[in-house]
Amino acid sequence: MNPEVSPALILAGVLAWFALSVIVRKWRGRHFFATRVPEAVFSERWASGRPGSGLFARLSTAKNCLHVQVTPEAVCVEPHFPISLGFVAEAYDMDHHIPLADIQSVTVLGGLRMKTVEVAYQSSGGKGGILYLLLRHAETFQEAVNRSRLEPD
């Protein structure tokens, strides 16, 4: 016997998956739409990036779907809608709020039109890593992070 799966059942499963991702993002205090922080000293929309190194990280590059901001307190990397749904941002580790105190270094690696920026961070809890961002204004990002780190609160 060959049981058939109803298209309505498949659609219900997909909708349930997205509804669960909405609940989890709300519970974690994350946004669905990348929002501009008024006090941001740097903001670039539609940037690209990837977490760390390794084969999986190289395959999980987010192309033109990130909003990168530097505030007086943190570097914020958020995915644009609809990448923020369905646990895509969580699976590819592309939703970050890194306090400036946790940033160890910001290095501009190069490129022609867009440059890669390596952000190394280590939290007081021991969690750390490297985030690679492909930005049109890489030097401005680096200056904003360095300036914000030096300014007292």
N, C-alpha and C. Protein backbone atom coordinates (compact mmCIF):
# COMPACT_ATOMS: atom_id res chain seq x y z
N MET A 1 0.85 -1.16 0.00
CA MET A 1 0.00 0.00 0.00
C MET A 1 0.91 1.24 0.00
N ASN A 2 0.55 2.24 -0.78
CA ASN A 2 1.33 3.46 -0.93
C ASN A 2 0.55 4.63 -0.32
N PRO A 3 0.84 4.99 0.92
CA PRO A 3 0.10 6.10 1.53
C PRO A 3 0.52 7.43 0.90
N GLU A 4 -0.46 8.25 0.63
CA GLU A 4 -0.19 9.56 0.06
C GLU A 4 -0.25 10.62 1.16
N VAL A 5 0.63 11.59 1.05
CA VAL A 5 0.65 12.68 2.00
C VAL A 5 -0.11 13.84 1.39
N SER A 6 -1.04 14.33 2.10
CA SER A 6 -1.87 15.42 1.63
C SER A 6 -1.05 16.71 1.54
N PRO A 7 -1.21 17.48 0.45
CA PRO A 7 -0.53 18.77 0.36
C PRO A 7 -0.92 19.71 1.51
N ALA A 8 -2.14 19.58 1.98
CA ALA A 8 -2.58 20.41 3.11
C ALA A 8 -1.80 20.07 4.38
N LEU A 9 -1.47 18.78 4.56
CA LEU A 9 -0.68 18.36 5.71
C LEU A 9 0.75 18.90 5.62
N ILE A 10 1.32 18.89 4.43
CA ILE A 10 2.67 19.44 4.22
C ILE A 10 2.66 20.94 4.50
N LEU A 11 1.67 21.64 3.97
CA LEU A 11 1.56 23.07 4.20
C LEU A 11 1.39 23.37 5.68
N ALA A 12 0.59 22.58 6.38
CA ALA A 12 0.40 22.78 7.82
C ALA A 12 1.71 22.58 8.58
N GLY A 13 2.50 21.61 8.17
CA GLY A 13 3.80 21.37 8.81
C GLY A 13 4.76 22.53 8.60
N VAL A 14 4.81 23.05 7.38
CA VAL A 14 5.68 24.19 7.08
C VAL A 14 5.24 25.42 7.87
N LEU A 15 3.94 25.67 7.90
CA LEU A 15 3.43 26.82 8.67
C LEU A 15 3.70 26.66 10.16
N ALA A 16 3.60 25.44 10.68
CA ALA A 16 3.90 25.19 12.09
C ALA A 16 5.37 25.45 12.38
N TRP A 17 6.25 25.06 11.45
CA TRP A 17 7.69 25.29 11.60
C TRP A 17 7.98 26.79 11.67
N PHE A 18 7.40 27.57 10.76
CA PHE A 18 7.62 29.01 10.77
C PHE A 18 7.00 29.66 12.01
N ALA A 19 5.83 29.17 12.44
CA ALA A 19 5.20 29.71 13.65
C ALA A 19 6.08 29.45 14.86
N LEU A 20 6.67 28.27 14.95
CA LEU A 20 7.58 27.96 16.05
C LEU A 20 8.80 28.87 16.02
N SER A 21 9.33 29.15 14.83
CA SER A 21 10.50 30.04 14.73
C SER A 21 10.13 31.46 15.16
N VAL A 22 8.91 31.90 14.87
CA VAL A 22 8.44 33.22 15.31
C VAL A 22 8.37 33.26 16.84
N ILE A 23 7.83 32.23 17.45
CA ILE A 23 7.72 32.18 18.91
C ILE A 23 9.11 32.19 19.55
N VAL A 24 10.03 31.40 19.02
CA VAL A 24 11.38 31.34 19.59
C VAL A 24 12.10 32.67 19.44
N ARG A 25 11.99 33.32 18.28
CA ARG A 25 12.66 34.62 18.08
C ARG A 25 12.09 35.67 19.03
N LYS A 26 10.77 35.67 19.20
CA LYS A 26 10.14 36.61 20.15
C LYS A 26 10.62 36.34 21.57
N TRP A 27 10.69 35.08 21.95
CA TRP A 27 11.09 34.68 23.29
C TRP A 27 12.54 35.10 23.56
N ARG A 28 13.40 35.03 22.53
CA ARG A 28 14.80 35.42 22.67
C ARG A 28 15.02 36.92 22.50
N GLY A 29 13.96 37.65 22.19
CA GLY A 29 14.07 39.10 22.03
C GLY A 29 14.70 39.53 20.71
N ARG A 30 14.61 38.68 19.70
CA ARG A 30 15.17 38.98 18.37
C ARG A 30 14.11 39.60 17.48
N HIS A 31 14.57 40.34 16.46
CA HIS A 31 13.66 40.99 15.52
C HIS A 31 13.40 40.11 14.31
N PHE A 32 12.27 40.34 13.65
CA PHE A 32 11.97 39.68 12.39
C PHE A 32 12.48 40.52 11.23
N PHE A 33 12.37 41.82 11.38
CA PHE A 33 12.85 42.76 10.38
C PHE A 33 14.05 43.49 10.97
N ALA A 34 15.14 43.55 10.23
CA ALA A 34 16.33 44.24 10.71
C ALA A 34 15.98 45.72 10.93
N THR A 35 16.21 46.20 12.13
CA THR A 35 15.83 47.57 12.47
C THR A 35 17.06 48.42 12.71
N ARG A 36 16.97 49.66 12.30
CA ARG A 36 18.07 50.62 12.52
C ARG A 36 18.00 51.12 13.94
N VAL A 37 19.13 51.00 14.65
CA VAL A 37 19.23 51.50 16.02
C VAL A 37 19.58 52.98 15.92
N PRO A 38 18.80 53.87 16.56
CA PRO A 38 19.02 55.31 16.41
C PRO A 38 20.43 55.77 16.82
N GLU A 39 21.00 55.14 17.85
CA GLU A 39 22.31 55.57 18.32
C GLU A 39 23.47 54.87 17.62
N ALA A 40 23.21 54.16 16.53
CA ALA A 40 24.26 53.45 15.81
C ALA A 40 25.25 54.44 15.19
N VAL A 41 26.53 54.15 15.36
CA VAL A 41 27.57 54.99 14.76
C VAL A 41 28.01 54.46 13.40
N PHE A 42 27.55 53.25 13.06
CA PHE A 42 27.79 52.65 11.75
C PHE A 42 26.61 51.75 11.43
N SER A 43 26.18 51.77 10.18
CA SER A 43 25.08 50.90 9.75
C SER A 43 25.26 50.59 8.28
N GLU A 44 25.21 49.31 7.95
CA GLU A 44 25.27 48.90 6.55
C GLU A 44 24.26 47.78 6.33
N ARG A 45 23.34 48.03 5.40
CA ARG A 45 22.31 47.05 5.07
C ARG A 45 22.76 46.21 3.88
N TRP A 46 22.19 45.02 3.79
CA TRP A 46 22.42 44.09 2.68
C TRP A 46 23.89 43.69 2.57
N ALA A 47 24.50 43.46 3.71
CA ALA A 47 25.88 42.97 3.75
C ALA A 47 25.87 41.44 3.68
N SER A 48 27.05 40.88 3.54
CA SER A 48 27.21 39.42 3.53
C SER A 48 28.11 39.02 4.68
N GLY A 49 28.09 37.74 5.03
CA GLY A 49 28.97 37.29 6.10
C GLY A 49 28.88 35.80 6.30
N ARG A 50 29.80 35.31 7.14
CA ARG A 50 29.82 33.89 7.51
C ARG A 50 30.49 33.74 8.86
N PRO A 51 30.14 32.70 9.58
CA PRO A 51 30.78 32.46 10.87
C PRO A 51 32.08 31.69 10.71
N GLY A 52 33.04 31.97 11.57
CA GLY A 52 34.25 31.18 11.74
C GLY A 52 34.92 30.65 10.50
N SER A 53 35.60 29.52 10.70
CA SER A 53 36.30 28.89 9.60
C SER A 53 35.86 27.44 9.51
N GLY A 54 36.36 26.77 8.54
CA GLY A 54 35.97 25.38 8.34
C GLY A 54 35.07 25.26 7.13
N LEU A 55 34.89 24.03 6.70
CA LEU A 55 34.12 23.77 5.48
C LEU A 55 32.66 24.18 5.62
N PHE A 56 32.01 23.81 6.73
CA PHE A 56 30.60 24.16 6.90
C PHE A 56 30.41 25.68 6.94
N ALA A 57 31.32 26.38 7.61
CA ALA A 57 31.23 27.84 7.68
C ALA A 57 31.38 28.46 6.29
N ARG A 58 32.28 27.93 5.49
CA ARG A 58 32.47 28.47 4.14
C ARG A 58 31.25 28.20 3.25
N LEU A 59 30.55 27.11 3.51
CA LEU A 59 29.36 26.79 2.74
C LEU A 59 28.13 27.55 3.23
N SER A 60 28.20 28.11 4.43
CA SER A 60 27.02 28.78 5.00
C SER A 60 27.13 30.30 4.96
N THR A 61 27.62 30.82 3.87
CA THR A 61 27.74 32.27 3.72
C THR A 61 26.37 32.89 3.46
N ALA A 62 26.07 33.94 4.21
CA ALA A 62 24.84 34.70 4.02
C ALA A 62 25.13 35.80 3.00
N LYS A 63 24.54 35.72 1.85
CA LYS A 63 24.80 36.67 0.76
C LYS A 63 23.76 37.79 0.75
N ASN A 64 24.21 39.00 0.96
CA ASN A 64 23.38 40.20 0.83
C ASN A 64 22.08 40.13 1.62
N CYS A 65 22.13 39.61 2.84
CA CYS A 65 20.90 39.51 3.64
C CYS A 65 21.12 39.90 5.11
N LEU A 66 22.22 40.59 5.40
CA LEU A 66 22.53 40.97 6.78
C LEU A 66 22.51 42.48 6.96
N HIS A 67 22.13 42.89 8.16
CA HIS A 67 22.20 44.30 8.55
C HIS A 67 23.24 44.38 9.66
N VAL A 68 24.33 45.11 9.41
CA VAL A 68 25.44 45.23 10.35
C VAL A 68 25.42 46.63 10.94
N GLN A 69 25.49 46.70 12.28
CA GLN A 69 25.49 47.98 12.97
C GLN A 69 26.52 47.97 14.09
N VAL A 70 27.06 49.16 14.36
CA VAL A 70 27.92 49.36 15.52
C VAL A 70 27.23 50.41 16.39
N THR A 71 26.92 50.03 17.61
CA THR A 71 26.33 50.95 18.57
C THR A 71 27.41 51.29 19.60
N PRO A 72 27.16 52.23 20.50
CA PRO A 72 28.16 52.52 21.53
C PRO A 72 28.43 51.32 22.45
N GLU A 73 27.57 50.31 22.43
CA GLU A 73 27.74 49.15 23.32
C GLU A 73 28.12 47.85 22.61
N ALA A 74 27.77 47.69 21.32
CA ALA A 74 27.91 46.37 20.70
C ALA A 74 27.99 46.45 19.19
N VAL A 75 28.44 45.33 18.62
CA VAL A 75 28.34 45.10 17.18
C VAL A 75 27.14 44.19 16.99
N CYS A 76 26.19 44.61 16.17
CA CYS A 76 24.96 43.86 15.95
C CYS A 76 24.89 43.41 14.49
N VAL A 77 24.68 42.12 14.29
CA VAL A 77 24.50 41.55 12.96
C VAL A 77 23.16 40.84 12.97
N GLU A 78 22.23 41.31 12.14
CA GLU A 78 20.88 40.74 12.09
C GLU A 78 20.54 40.35 10.66
N PRO A 79 19.83 39.26 10.49
CA PRO A 79 19.38 38.90 9.15
C PRO A 79 18.14 39.70 8.76
N HIS A 80 18.01 39.96 7.47
CA HIS A 80 16.80 40.59 6.94
C HIS A 80 15.71 39.53 6.81
N PHE A 81 14.46 39.98 6.83
CA PHE A 81 13.31 39.11 6.57
C PHE A 81 13.39 38.64 5.13
N PRO A 82 13.12 37.42 4.78
CA PRO A 82 12.58 36.30 5.51
C PRO A 82 13.65 35.36 6.08
N ILE A 83 14.93 35.72 5.96
CA ILE A 83 16.00 34.86 6.49
C ILE A 83 15.87 34.72 8.00
N SER A 84 15.21 35.68 8.65
CA SER A 84 15.04 35.62 10.10
C SER A 84 14.03 34.56 10.53
N LEU A 85 13.32 33.97 9.59
CA LEU A 85 12.31 32.95 9.92
C LEU A 85 12.83 31.54 9.64
N GLY A 86 12.18 30.56 10.22
CA GLY A 86 12.48 29.17 9.93
C GLY A 86 13.79 28.66 10.50
N PHE A 87 14.35 29.35 11.48
CA PHE A 87 15.60 28.97 12.13
C PHE A 87 16.80 29.01 11.19
N VAL A 88 16.70 29.71 10.07
CA VAL A 88 17.81 29.79 9.12
C VAL A 88 18.98 30.55 9.74
N ALA A 89 18.71 31.71 10.34
CA ALA A 89 19.77 32.51 10.95
C ALA A 89 20.45 31.77 12.09
N GLU A 90 19.68 31.02 12.86
CA GLU A 90 20.25 30.25 13.97
C GLU A 90 21.09 29.09 13.45
N ALA A 91 20.63 28.42 12.42
CA ALA A 91 21.35 27.28 11.87
C ALA A 91 22.69 27.70 11.29
N TYR A 92 22.74 28.87 10.67
CA TYR A 92 23.97 29.34 10.05
C TYR A 92 24.72 30.34 10.92
N ASP A 93 24.30 30.53 12.16
CA ASP A 93 24.97 31.39 13.13
C ASP A 93 25.19 32.80 12.58
N MET A 94 24.11 33.42 12.12
CA MET A 94 24.20 34.75 11.52
C MET A 94 23.36 35.79 12.23
N ASP A 95 23.15 35.64 13.52
CA ASP A 95 22.39 36.60 14.31
C ASP A 95 23.22 36.87 15.57
N HIS A 96 23.93 38.00 15.59
CA HIS A 96 24.88 38.28 16.67
C HIS A 96 24.62 39.63 17.32
N HIS A 97 24.86 39.68 18.61
CA HIS A 97 24.90 40.91 19.40
C HIS A 97 26.16 40.77 20.27
N ILE A 98 27.27 41.33 19.80
CA ILE A 98 28.56 41.14 20.46
C ILE A 98 28.92 42.42 21.21
N PRO A 99 28.95 42.39 22.54
CA PRO A 99 29.38 43.57 23.30
C PRO A 99 30.79 43.99 22.89
N LEU A 100 31.03 45.31 22.82
CA LEU A 100 32.34 45.81 22.40
C LEU A 100 33.46 45.31 23.30
N ALA A 101 33.16 45.11 24.58
CA ALA A 101 34.17 44.63 25.52
C ALA A 101 34.64 43.21 25.17
N ASP A 102 33.81 42.44 24.46
CA ASP A 102 34.16 41.07 24.09
C ASP A 102 34.94 40.98 22.79
N ILE A 103 35.05 42.08 22.06
CA ILE A 103 35.74 42.05 20.77
C ILE A 103 37.25 42.13 21.01
N GLN A 104 37.96 41.15 20.47
CA GLN A 104 39.41 41.10 20.61
C GLN A 104 40.11 41.85 19.49
N SER A 105 39.59 41.71 18.26
CA SER A 105 40.22 42.40 17.13
C SER A 105 39.24 42.55 15.98
N VAL A 106 39.49 43.59 15.19
CA VAL A 106 38.75 43.83 13.95
C VAL A 106 39.80 44.08 12.88
N THR A 107 39.86 43.19 11.89
CA THR A 107 40.89 43.26 10.86
C THR A 107 40.26 43.32 9.49
N VAL A 108 40.66 44.30 8.69
CA VAL A 108 40.20 44.40 7.30
C VAL A 108 41.15 43.55 6.46
N LEU A 109 40.61 42.53 5.79
CA LEU A 109 41.43 41.57 5.06
C LEU A 109 41.63 41.93 3.60
N GLY A 110 40.78 42.74 3.03
CA GLY A 110 40.98 43.15 1.65
C GLY A 110 39.81 42.79 0.76
N GLY A 111 40.00 43.07 -0.50
CA GLY A 111 38.97 42.86 -1.51
C GLY A 111 38.97 44.06 -2.44
N LEU A 112 38.32 43.95 -3.57
CA LEU A 112 38.30 45.06 -4.52
C LEU A 112 37.19 46.05 -4.20
N ARG A 113 35.95 45.68 -4.51
CA ARG A 113 34.83 46.59 -4.28
C ARG A 113 34.32 46.46 -2.84
N MET A 114 34.20 45.23 -2.38
CA MET A 114 33.77 44.97 -1.00
C MET A 114 34.93 44.28 -0.30
N LYS A 115 35.13 44.62 0.96
CA LYS A 115 36.25 44.05 1.70
C LYS A 115 35.74 43.15 2.81
N THR A 116 36.51 42.12 3.11
CA THR A 116 36.18 41.21 4.19
C THR A 116 36.77 41.75 5.49
N VAL A 117 35.94 41.73 6.53
CA VAL A 117 36.37 42.15 7.86
C VAL A 117 36.28 40.94 8.77
N GLU A 118 37.36 40.67 9.49
CA GLU A 118 37.38 39.58 10.46
C GLU A 118 37.18 40.16 11.85
N VAL A 119 36.12 39.72 12.52
CA VAL A 119 35.82 40.17 13.88
C VAL A 119 36.04 38.97 14.80
N ALA A 120 37.06 39.08 15.66
CA ALA A 120 37.35 38.02 16.63
C ALA A 120 36.79 38.47 17.98
N TYR A 121 36.08 37.56 18.65
CA TYR A 121 35.47 37.93 19.93
C TYR A 121 35.57 36.77 20.92
N GLN A 122 35.54 37.12 22.19
CA GLN A 122 35.59 36.14 23.29
C GLN A 122 34.79 36.71 24.44
N SER A 123 33.70 36.04 24.83
CA SER A 123 32.88 36.53 25.92
C SER A 123 33.47 36.11 27.26
N SER A 124 33.03 36.76 28.31
CA SER A 124 33.52 36.42 29.65
C SER A 124 33.11 35.00 30.04
N GLY A 125 32.06 34.47 29.43
CA GLY A 125 31.61 33.11 29.69
C GLY A 125 32.41 32.06 28.94
N GLY A 126 33.36 32.50 28.13
CA GLY A 126 34.20 31.55 27.41
C GLY A 126 33.79 31.31 25.97
N LYS A 127 32.56 31.72 25.59
CA LYS A 127 32.12 31.53 24.21
C LYS A 127 32.78 32.58 23.33
N GLY A 128 33.30 32.15 22.25
CA GLY A 128 33.95 33.08 21.34
C GLY A 128 33.95 32.54 19.94
N GLY A 129 34.54 33.30 19.07
CA GLY A 129 34.61 32.86 17.69
C GLY A 129 35.08 33.95 16.78
N ILE A 130 34.95 33.69 15.51
CA ILE A 130 35.33 34.64 14.47
C ILE A 130 34.13 34.81 13.56
N LEU A 131 33.90 36.04 13.16
CA LEU A 131 32.82 36.38 12.25
C LEU A 131 33.44 37.13 11.08
N TYR A 132 33.18 36.67 9.88
CA TYR A 132 33.67 37.34 8.67
C TYR A 132 32.51 38.09 8.04
N LEU A 133 32.71 39.38 7.82
CA LEU A 133 31.69 40.24 7.22
C LEU A 133 32.23 40.82 5.92
N LEU A 134 31.43 40.78 4.87
CA LEU A 134 31.78 41.37 3.60
C LEU A 134 31.04 42.69 3.50
N LEU A 135 31.80 43.80 3.62
CA LEU A 135 31.19 45.13 3.74
C LEU A 135 31.69 46.07 2.64
N ARG A 136 30.84 46.98 2.22
CA ARG A 136 31.23 48.00 1.26
C ARG A 136 32.08 49.08 1.93
N HIS A 137 31.85 49.32 3.22
CA HIS A 137 32.57 50.36 3.96
C HIS A 137 33.31 49.72 5.13
N ALA A 138 34.25 48.85 4.82
CA ALA A 138 34.97 48.07 5.83
C ALA A 138 35.81 48.95 6.75
N GLU A 139 36.52 49.91 6.18
CA GLU A 139 37.36 50.77 7.01
C GLU A 139 36.52 51.62 7.97
N THR A 140 35.37 52.09 7.50
CA THR A 140 34.48 52.87 8.35
C THR A 140 33.95 52.01 9.49
N PHE A 141 33.64 50.75 9.22
CA PHE A 141 33.21 49.82 10.26
C PHE A 141 34.32 49.65 11.29
N GLN A 142 35.53 49.41 10.83
CA GLN A 142 36.67 49.21 11.72
C GLN A 142 36.90 50.45 12.59
N GLU A 143 36.84 51.64 12.00
CA GLU A 143 37.02 52.88 12.75
C GLU A 143 35.91 53.07 13.78
N ALA A 144 34.67 52.74 13.40
CA ALA A 144 33.55 52.89 14.33
C ALA A 144 33.70 51.96 15.53
N VAL A 145 34.12 50.72 15.30
CA VAL A 145 34.33 49.79 16.41
C VAL A 145 35.45 50.28 17.31
N ASN A 146 36.58 50.66 16.71
CA ASN A 146 37.72 51.12 17.51
C ASN A 146 37.40 52.39 18.29
N ARG A 147 36.70 53.33 17.66
CA ARG A 147 36.33 54.58 18.33
C ARG A 147 35.36 54.30 19.48
N SER A 148 34.39 53.42 19.24
CA SER A 148 33.42 53.11 20.29
C SER A 148 34.05 52.36 21.46
N ARG A 149 35.05 51.55 21.19
CA ARG A 149 35.75 50.81 22.24
C ARG A 149 36.59 51.75 23.12
N LEU A 150 37.08 52.82 22.52
CA LEU A 150 37.95 53.75 23.26
C LEU A 150 37.16 54.77 24.07
N GLU A 151 35.97 55.11 23.60
CA GLU A 151 35.17 56.13 24.29
C GLU A 151 34.61 55.59 25.59
N PRO A 152 34.71 56.36 26.68
CA PRO A 152 34.11 55.91 27.93
C PRO A 152 32.59 56.01 27.87
N ASP A 153 31.92 55.18 28.66
CA ASP A 153 30.44 55.18 28.68
C ASP A 153 29.87 56.44 29.24
